[in-house]
């Protein structure tokens, strides 16, 4: 269900109550952009600047968050990598996939995929991502008609295809990229750092508490 209209109405009422117009005016948007541009950055850990080193840092961080990672040369190699992962874990070769990835050679790799919104019975979801952050090994998924975020949240196994060129240093660069390419944030922004987990019971970490048990990342080095 698209709740964008309801969100706009709520925000408009909040703005009206504070004596402002329902939609931000140009001067207000410019003031926000100026603040973001001039706001000093807080302390951050050192991060590599070379693309290859950034990819290596992402892979290391993702592994520490219990994700598994495989590198492939091209997007066309991703279906075979996904099939290898599913076979190695004794999982069925069937998945829901983002529509933007539907044209990849899934059948040739032995996978049956459906480009649709996931359902409760779907066990594997294959997604792309808007970008990924090297600092925390996180995937950044933005909601949209061609990118069902639930495909990375509902199934027990989440396989994400990450273009190496879309790996940025940290969350700050991820949000800067969103502003540069999208203008405004979408309805939902999800930072996924490995499988879901909880430590509520005796501080023992349990994976798959409220989302995927497994997160497997396929990094496409040429994309």
C-alpha atoms as a PDB file:
ATOM      1  CA  UNK A   1       0.000   0.000   0.000  1.00  0.00           C
ATOM      2  CA  UNK A   2       1.360   3.403  -0.992  1.00  0.00           C
ATOM      3  CA  UNK A   3       1.158   5.745   2.000  1.00  0.00           C
ATOM      4  CA  UNK A   4       2.949   8.669   0.328  1.00  0.00           C
ATOM      5  CA  UNK A   5      -0.224  10.796   0.095  1.00  0.00           C
ATOM      6  CA  UNK A   6      -1.024  10.220   3.766  1.00  0.00           C
ATOM      7  CA  UNK A   7       2.507  11.183   4.728  1.00  0.00           C
ATOM      8  CA  UNK A   8       2.304  14.401   2.687  1.00  0.00           C
ATOM      9  CA  UNK A   9      -1.005  15.291   4.336  1.00  0.00           C
ATOM     10  CA  UNK A  10       0.397  14.737   7.824  1.00  0.00           C
ATOM     11  CA  UNK A  11       3.488  16.820   7.111  1.00  0.00           C
ATOM     12  CA  UNK A  12       1.343  19.564   5.557  1.00  0.00           C
ATOM     13  CA  UNK A  13      -0.771  19.738   8.722  1.00  0.00           C
ATOM     14  CA  UNK A  14       2.345  19.959  10.880  1.00  0.00           C
ATOM     15  CA  UNK A  15       3.698  22.766   8.715  1.00  0.00           C
ATOM     16  CA  UNK A  16       0.365  24.586   8.783  1.00  0.00           C
ATOM     17  CA  UNK A  17       0.273  24.387  12.587  1.00  0.00           C
ATOM     18  CA  UNK A  18       3.681  26.065  12.709  1.00  0.00           C
ATOM     19  CA  UNK A  19       2.558  28.835  10.360  1.00  0.00           C
ATOM     20  CA  UNK A  20       4.349  27.615   7.252  1.00  0.00           C
ATOM     21  CA  UNK A  21       2.969  26.771   3.807  1.00  0.00           C
ATOM     22  CA  UNK A  22       2.045  23.140   3.070  1.00  0.00           C
ATOM     23  CA  UNK A  23       5.010  22.670   0.724  1.00  0.00           C
ATOM     24  CA  UNK A  24       8.551  23.994   1.353  1.00  0.00           C
ATOM     25  CA  UNK A  25       9.314  27.101  -0.679  1.00  0.00           C
ATOM     26  CA  UNK A  26      12.441  27.487  -2.777  1.00  0.00           C
ATOM     27  CA  UNK A  27      14.159  29.671  -0.167  1.00  0.00           C
ATOM     28  CA  UNK A  28      13.565  27.037   2.519  1.00  0.00           C
ATOM     29  CA  UNK A  29      15.003  24.268   0.353  1.00  0.00           C
ATOM     30  CA  UNK A  30      18.023  26.444  -0.468  1.00  0.00           C
ATOM     31  CA  UNK A  31      18.608  27.133   3.236  1.00  0.00           C
ATOM     32  CA  UNK A  32      18.564  23.392   3.999  1.00  0.00           C
ATOM     33  CA  UNK A  33      20.984  22.673   1.133  1.00  0.00           C
ATOM     34  CA  UNK A  34      23.305  25.432   2.352  1.00  0.00           C
ATOM     35  CA  UNK A  35      23.235  24.079   5.910  1.00  0.00           C
ATOM     36  CA  UNK A  36      24.070  20.581   4.729  1.00  0.00           C
ATOM     37  CA  UNK A  37      26.919  21.877   2.577  1.00  0.00           C
ATOM     38  CA  UNK A  38      28.459  23.952   5.396  1.00  0.00           C
ATOM     39  CA  UNK A  39      27.776  21.672   8.343  1.00  0.00           C
ATOM     40  CA  UNK A  40      31.088  20.348   9.698  1.00  0.00           C
ATOM     41  CA  UNK A  41      31.570  16.596   9.613  1.00  0.00           C
ATOM     42  CA  UNK A  42      31.987  14.770  12.888  1.00  0.00           C
ATOM     43  CA  UNK A  43      34.869  12.412  13.720  1.00  0.00           C
ATOM     44  CA  UNK A  44      35.019   9.358  11.511  1.00  0.00           C
ATOM     45  CA  UNK A  45      37.353   6.359  11.190  1.00  0.00           C
ATOM     46  CA  UNK A  46      39.911   6.541   8.373  1.00  0.00           C
ATOM     47  CA  UNK A  47      38.622   5.072   5.129  1.00  0.00           C
ATOM     48  CA  UNK A  48      40.458   4.146   1.916  1.00  0.00           C
ATOM     49  CA  UNK A  49      39.936   6.322  -1.140  1.00  0.00           C
ATOM     50  CA  UNK A  50      40.949   3.892  -3.891  1.00  0.00           C
ATOM     51  CA  UNK A  51      37.966   1.953  -5.312  1.00  0.00           C
ATOM     52  CA  UNK A  52      39.591  -1.475  -4.943  1.00  0.00           C
ATOM     53  CA  UNK A  53      40.495  -0.792  -1.313  1.00  0.00           C
ATOM     54  CA  UNK A  54      36.970   0.460  -0.649  1.00  0.00           C
ATOM     55  CA  UNK A  55      35.535  -2.798  -2.019  1.00  0.00           C
ATOM     56  CA  UNK A  56      37.933  -4.808   0.149  1.00  0.00           C
ATOM     57  CA  UNK A  57      36.893  -2.791   3.209  1.00  0.00           C
ATOM     58  CA  UNK A  58      33.216  -3.418   2.435  1.00  0.00           C
ATOM     59  CA  UNK A  59      33.778  -7.169   2.061  1.00  0.00           C
ATOM     60  CA  UNK A  60      35.630  -7.316   5.371  1.00  0.00           C
ATOM     61  CA  UNK A  61      32.952  -5.305   7.193  1.00  0.00           C
ATOM     62  CA  UNK A  62      30.125  -7.352   5.668  1.00  0.00           C
ATOM     63  CA  UNK A  63      31.805 -10.558   6.810  1.00  0.00           C
ATOM     64  CA  UNK A  64      32.053  -9.232  10.353  1.00  0.00           C
ATOM     65  CA  UNK A  65      28.279  -8.648  10.235  1.00  0.00           C
ATOM     66  CA  UNK A  66      27.737 -12.342   9.321  1.00  0.00           C
ATOM     67  CA  UNK A  67      27.074 -11.726   5.627  1.00  0.00           C
ATOM     68  CA  UNK A  68      28.787 -13.948   3.079  1.00  0.00           C
ATOM     69  CA  UNK A  69      30.309 -12.382  -0.029  1.00  0.00           C
ATOM     70  CA  UNK A  70      31.361 -13.536  -3.487  1.00  0.00           C
ATOM     71  CA  UNK A  71      32.911 -11.372  -6.200  1.00  0.00           C
ATOM     72  CA  UNK A  72      32.022 -11.844  -9.868  1.00  0.00           C
ATOM     73  CA  UNK A  73      33.265 -10.047 -12.967  1.00  0.00           C
ATOM     74  CA  UNK A  74      29.987  -9.037 -14.630  1.00  0.00           C
ATOM     75  CA  UNK A  75      26.271  -8.771 -13.910  1.00  0.00           C
ATOM     76  CA  UNK A  76      25.692 -11.750 -16.200  1.00  0.00           C
ATOM     77  CA  UNK A  77      27.768 -13.856 -13.772  1.00  0.00           C
ATOM     78  CA  UNK A  78      25.511 -13.042 -10.807  1.00  0.00           C
ATOM     79  CA  UNK A  79      22.827 -15.711 -11.446  1.00  0.00           C
ATOM     80  CA  UNK A  80      25.419 -18.513 -11.460  1.00  0.00           C
ATOM     81  CA  UNK A  81      26.884 -17.152  -8.216  1.00  0.00           C
ATOM     82  CA  UNK A  82      23.423 -17.093  -6.649  1.00  0.00           C
ATOM     83  CA  UNK A  83      22.815 -20.683  -7.796  1.00  0.00           C
ATOM     84  CA  UNK A  84      26.111 -21.808  -6.265  1.00  0.00           C
ATOM     85  CA  UNK A  85      25.230 -20.212  -2.948  1.00  0.00           C
ATOM     86  CA  UNK A  86      21.760 -21.762  -2.818  1.00  0.00           C
ATOM     87  CA  UNK A  87      23.097 -25.212  -3.737  1.00  0.00           C
ATOM     88  CA  UNK A  88      25.876 -25.007  -1.158  1.00  0.00           C
ATOM     89  CA  UNK A  89      23.310 -24.261   1.544  1.00  0.00           C
ATOM     90  CA  UNK A  90      20.807 -26.896   0.426  1.00  0.00           C
ATOM     91  CA  UNK A  91      18.234 -24.289  -0.589  1.00  0.00           C
ATOM     92  CA  UNK A  92      15.719 -24.550  -3.422  1.00  0.00           C
ATOM     93  CA  UNK A  93      16.670 -22.862  -6.697  1.00  0.00           C
ATOM     94  CA  UNK A  94      13.667 -20.523  -6.703  1.00  0.00           C
ATOM     95  CA  UNK A  95      13.441 -16.866  -5.744  1.00  0.00           C
ATOM     96  CA  UNK A  96      11.604 -13.593  -6.130  1.00  0.00           C
ATOM     97  CA  UNK A  97      13.723 -10.972  -7.867  1.00  0.00           C
ATOM     98  CA  UNK A  98      13.606  -7.254  -8.510  1.00  0.00           C
ATOM     99  CA  UNK A  99      12.172  -6.458 -11.921  1.00  0.00           C
ATOM    100  CA  UNK A 100      15.296  -4.503 -12.864  1.00  0.00           C
ATOM    101  CA  UNK A 101      17.249  -7.777 -12.596  1.00  0.00           C
ATOM    102  CA  UNK A 102      14.714  -9.985 -14.379  1.00  0.00           C
ATOM    103  CA  UNK A 103      16.599  -9.969 -17.701  1.00  0.00           C
ATOM    104  CA  UNK A 104      19.722 -11.618 -16.256  1.00  0.00           C
ATOM    105  CA  UNK A 105      20.307 -15.283 -17.309  1.00  0.00           C
ATOM    106  CA  UNK A 106      18.589 -16.914 -14.330  1.00  0.00           C
ATOM    107  CA  UNK A 107      17.197 -19.929 -16.213  1.00  0.00           C
ATOM    108  CA  UNK A 108      20.601 -20.608 -17.744  1.00  0.00           C
ATOM    109  CA  UNK A 109      21.994 -20.766 -14.218  1.00  0.00           C
ATOM    110  CA  UNK A 110      19.268 -23.200 -13.175  1.00  0.00           C
ATOM    111  CA  UNK A 111      17.205 -20.736 -11.138  1.00  0.00           C
ATOM    112  CA  UNK A 112      13.465 -20.147 -11.393  1.00  0.00           C
ATOM    113  CA  UNK A 113      12.693 -16.515 -10.551  1.00  0.00           C
ATOM    114  CA  UNK A 114       9.544 -14.427 -10.316  1.00  0.00           C
ATOM    115  CA  UNK A 115       9.734 -10.647 -10.700  1.00  0.00           C
ATOM    116  CA  UNK A 116       7.014  -9.621  -8.263  1.00  0.00           C
ATOM    117  CA  UNK A 117       6.343  -8.501  -4.727  1.00  0.00           C
ATOM    118  CA  UNK A 118       7.317 -11.250  -2.259  1.00  0.00           C
ATOM    119  CA  UNK A 119       4.731 -13.306  -0.419  1.00  0.00           C
ATOM    120  CA  UNK A 120       4.879 -15.113   2.894  1.00  0.00           C
ATOM    121  CA  UNK A 121       5.767 -18.406   1.229  1.00  0.00           C
ATOM    122  CA  UNK A 122       8.815 -17.047  -0.636  1.00  0.00           C
ATOM    123  CA  UNK A 123      12.041 -18.297   0.924  1.00  0.00           C
ATOM    124  CA  UNK A 124      14.633 -16.461  -1.198  1.00  0.00           C
ATOM    125  CA  UNK A 125      14.672 -12.820  -2.282  1.00  0.00           C
ATOM    126  CA  UNK A 126      17.197 -11.442  -4.771  1.00  0.00           C
ATOM    127  CA  UNK A 127      17.668  -7.677  -4.889  1.00  0.00           C
ATOM    128  CA  UNK A 128      20.003  -5.018  -6.087  1.00  0.00           C
ATOM    129  CA  UNK A 129      20.763  -2.026  -3.882  1.00  0.00           C
ATOM    130  CA  UNK A 130      21.006   1.737  -4.226  1.00  0.00           C
ATOM    131  CA  UNK A 131      24.517   1.662  -2.796  1.00  0.00           C
ATOM    132  CA  UNK A 132      26.534  -0.035  -0.060  1.00  0.00           C
ATOM    133  CA  UNK A 133      28.694   1.377   2.724  1.00  0.00           C
ATOM    134  CA  UNK A 134      32.236   0.169   3.301  1.00  0.00           C
ATOM    135  CA  UNK A 135      32.448   1.401   6.885  1.00  0.00           C
ATOM    136  CA  UNK A 136      29.723  -0.925   8.197  1.00  0.00           C
ATOM    137  CA  UNK A 137      29.299  -3.469   5.386  1.00  0.00           C
ATOM    138  CA  UNK A 138      25.708  -2.303   4.960  1.00  0.00           C
ATOM    139  CA  UNK A 139      23.361  -2.504   1.985  1.00  0.00           C
ATOM    140  CA  UNK A 140      21.233   0.570   1.280  1.00  0.00           C
ATOM    141  CA  UNK A 141      17.817  -0.221  -0.200  1.00  0.00           C
ATOM    142  CA  UNK A 142      15.390   2.502  -1.276  1.00  0.00           C
ATOM    143  CA  UNK A 143      11.699   1.796  -1.735  1.00  0.00           C
ATOM    144  CA  UNK A 144      10.199   2.213  -5.194  1.00  0.00           C
ATOM    145  CA  UNK A 145       7.994   0.549  -7.801  1.00  0.00           C
ATOM    146  CA  UNK A 146      10.962  -1.308  -9.318  1.00  0.00           C
ATOM    147  CA  UNK A 147      12.705  -2.081  -6.015  1.00  0.00           C
ATOM    148  CA  UNK A 148      10.514  -3.952  -3.566  1.00  0.00           C
ATOM    149  CA  UNK A 149      12.382  -3.511  -0.281  1.00  0.00           C
ATOM    150  CA  UNK A 150      10.349  -6.379   1.207  1.00  0.00           C
ATOM    151  CA  UNK A 151      12.278  -8.774  -1.069  1.00  0.00           C
ATOM    152  CA  UNK A 152      15.242  -8.209   1.231  1.00  0.00           C
ATOM    153  CA  UNK A 153      13.246  -8.336   4.463  1.00  0.00           C
ATOM    154  CA  UNK A 154      10.540 -10.983   4.163  1.00  0.00           C
ATOM    155  CA  UNK A 155      12.241 -14.147   2.750  1.00  0.00           C
ATOM    156  CA  UNK A 156      14.501 -16.246   4.955  1.00  0.00           C
ATOM    157  CA  UNK A 157      17.428 -15.770   2.558  1.00  0.00           C
ATOM    158  CA  UNK A 158      18.419 -12.424   1.034  1.00  0.00           C
ATOM    159  CA  UNK A 159      20.829 -12.351  -1.907  1.00  0.00           C
ATOM    160  CA  UNK A 160      21.949  -8.843  -2.861  1.00  0.00           C
ATOM    161  CA  UNK A 161      23.747  -7.851  -6.049  1.00  0.00           C
ATOM    162  CA  UNK A 162      26.078  -4.919  -5.408  1.00  0.00           C
ATOM    163  CA  UNK A 163      27.823  -2.955  -8.134  1.00  0.00           C
ATOM    164  CA  UNK A 164      31.373  -2.196  -6.983  1.00  0.00           C
ATOM    165  CA  UNK A 165      31.081   1.372  -8.276  1.00  0.00           C
ATOM    166  CA  UNK A 166      28.170   1.934  -5.859  1.00  0.00           C
ATOM    167  CA  UNK A 167      30.192   1.169  -2.737  1.00  0.00           C
ATOM    168  CA  UNK A 168      30.736   4.401  -0.789  1.00  0.00           C
ATOM    169  CA  UNK A 169      32.679   5.097   2.370  1.00  0.00           C
ATOM    170  CA  UNK A 170      29.885   5.539   4.911  1.00  0.00           C
ATOM    171  CA  UNK A 171      26.352   6.623   5.689  1.00  0.00           C
ATOM    172  CA  UNK A 172      27.207  10.274   5.045  1.00  0.00           C
ATOM    173  CA  UNK A 173      28.196   9.514   1.456  1.00  0.00           C
ATOM    174  CA  UNK A 174      25.121   7.314   1.022  1.00  0.00           C
ATOM    175  CA  UNK A 175      22.769  10.138   1.989  1.00  0.00           C
ATOM    176  CA  UNK A 176      24.724  12.620  -0.145  1.00  0.00           C
ATOM    177  CA  UNK A 177      24.281  10.254  -3.101  1.00  0.00           C
ATOM    178  CA  UNK A 178      20.533  10.043  -2.434  1.00  0.00           C
ATOM    179  CA  UNK A 179      20.220  13.832  -2.413  1.00  0.00           C
ATOM    180  CA  UNK A 180      22.312  14.150  -5.576  1.00  0.00           C
ATOM    181  CA  UNK A 181      20.467  11.472  -7.561  1.00  0.00           C
ATOM    182  CA  UNK A 182      16.953  11.477  -6.082  1.00  0.00           C
ATOM    183  CA  UNK A 183      16.525  15.008  -4.747  1.00  0.00           C
ATOM    184  CA  UNK A 184      14.278  13.845  -1.925  1.00  0.00           C
ATOM    185  CA  UNK A 185      14.306  10.712   0.177  1.00  0.00           C
ATOM    186  CA  UNK A 186      11.863   7.977  -0.862  1.00  0.00           C
ATOM    187  CA  UNK A 187       9.157   6.617   1.431  1.00  0.00           C
ATOM    188  CA  UNK A 188      11.555   4.104   3.004  1.00  0.00           C
ATOM    189  CA  UNK A 189      15.350   3.912   3.347  1.00  0.00           C
ATOM    190  CA  UNK A 190      16.758   0.642   4.722  1.00  0.00           C
ATOM    191  CA  UNK A 191      20.333   0.050   5.877  1.00  0.00           C
ATOM    192  CA  UNK A 192      20.802  -3.731   6.068  1.00  0.00           C
ATOM    193  CA  UNK A 193      23.852  -4.900   8.003  1.00  0.00           C
ATOM    194  CA  UNK A 194      23.885  -8.684   7.775  1.00  0.00           C
ATOM    195  CA  UNK A 195      21.132 -11.089   8.825  1.00  0.00           C
ATOM    196  CA  UNK A 196      18.512  -9.897  11.300  1.00  0.00           C
ATOM    197  CA  UNK A 197      19.421 -10.618  14.896  1.00  0.00           C
ATOM    198  CA  UNK A 198      18.409 -10.133  18.501  1.00  0.00           C
ATOM    199  CA  UNK A 199      20.130 -10.403  21.856  1.00  0.00           C
ATOM    200  CA  UNK A 200      17.037  -9.930  24.007  1.00  0.00           C
ATOM    201  CA  UNK A 201      17.214 -13.362  25.650  1.00  0.00           C
ATOM    202  CA  UNK A 202      20.162 -13.586  28.064  1.00  0.00           C
ATOM    203  CA  UNK A 203      22.183 -11.371  25.679  1.00  0.00           C
ATOM    204  CA  UNK A 204      22.679 -14.324  23.348  1.00  0.00           C
ATOM    205  CA  UNK A 205      22.757 -13.290  19.696  1.00  0.00           C
ATOM    206  CA  UNK A 206      20.196 -15.160  17.596  1.00  0.00           C
ATOM    207  CA  UNK A 207      20.104 -14.692  13.826  1.00  0.00           C
ATOM    208  CA  UNK A 208      16.885 -14.510  11.836  1.00  0.00           C
ATOM    209  CA  UNK A 209      14.823 -12.982  14.625  1.00  0.00           C
ATOM    210  CA  UNK A 210      12.717 -10.625  12.527  1.00  0.00           C
ATOM    211  CA  UNK A 211      13.987 -10.981   8.978  1.00  0.00           C
ATOM    212  CA  UNK A 212      16.410 -13.037   6.871  1.00  0.00           C
ATOM    213  CA  UNK A 213      18.489 -15.770   8.468  1.00  0.00           C
ATOM    214  CA  UNK A 214      21.095 -15.345   5.750  1.00  0.00           C
ATOM    215  CA  UNK A 215      22.450 -12.433   3.716  1.00  0.00           C
ATOM    216  CA  UNK A 216      24.671 -13.224   0.750  1.00  0.00           C
ATOM    217  CA  UNK A 217      26.259 -10.398  -1.221  1.00  0.00           C
ATOM    218  CA  UNK A 218      27.415 -10.716  -4.821  1.00  0.00           C
ATOM    219  CA  UNK A 219      29.825  -7.903  -5.673  1.00  0.00           C
ATOM    220  CA  UNK A 220      30.091  -7.169  -9.397  1.00  0.00           C
ATOM    221  CA  UNK A 221      33.591  -5.804  -9.891  1.00  0.00           C
ATOM    222  CA  UNK A 222      33.079  -4.359 -13.383  1.00  0.00           C
ATOM    223  CA  UNK A 223      29.799  -2.556 -12.658  1.00  0.00           C
END
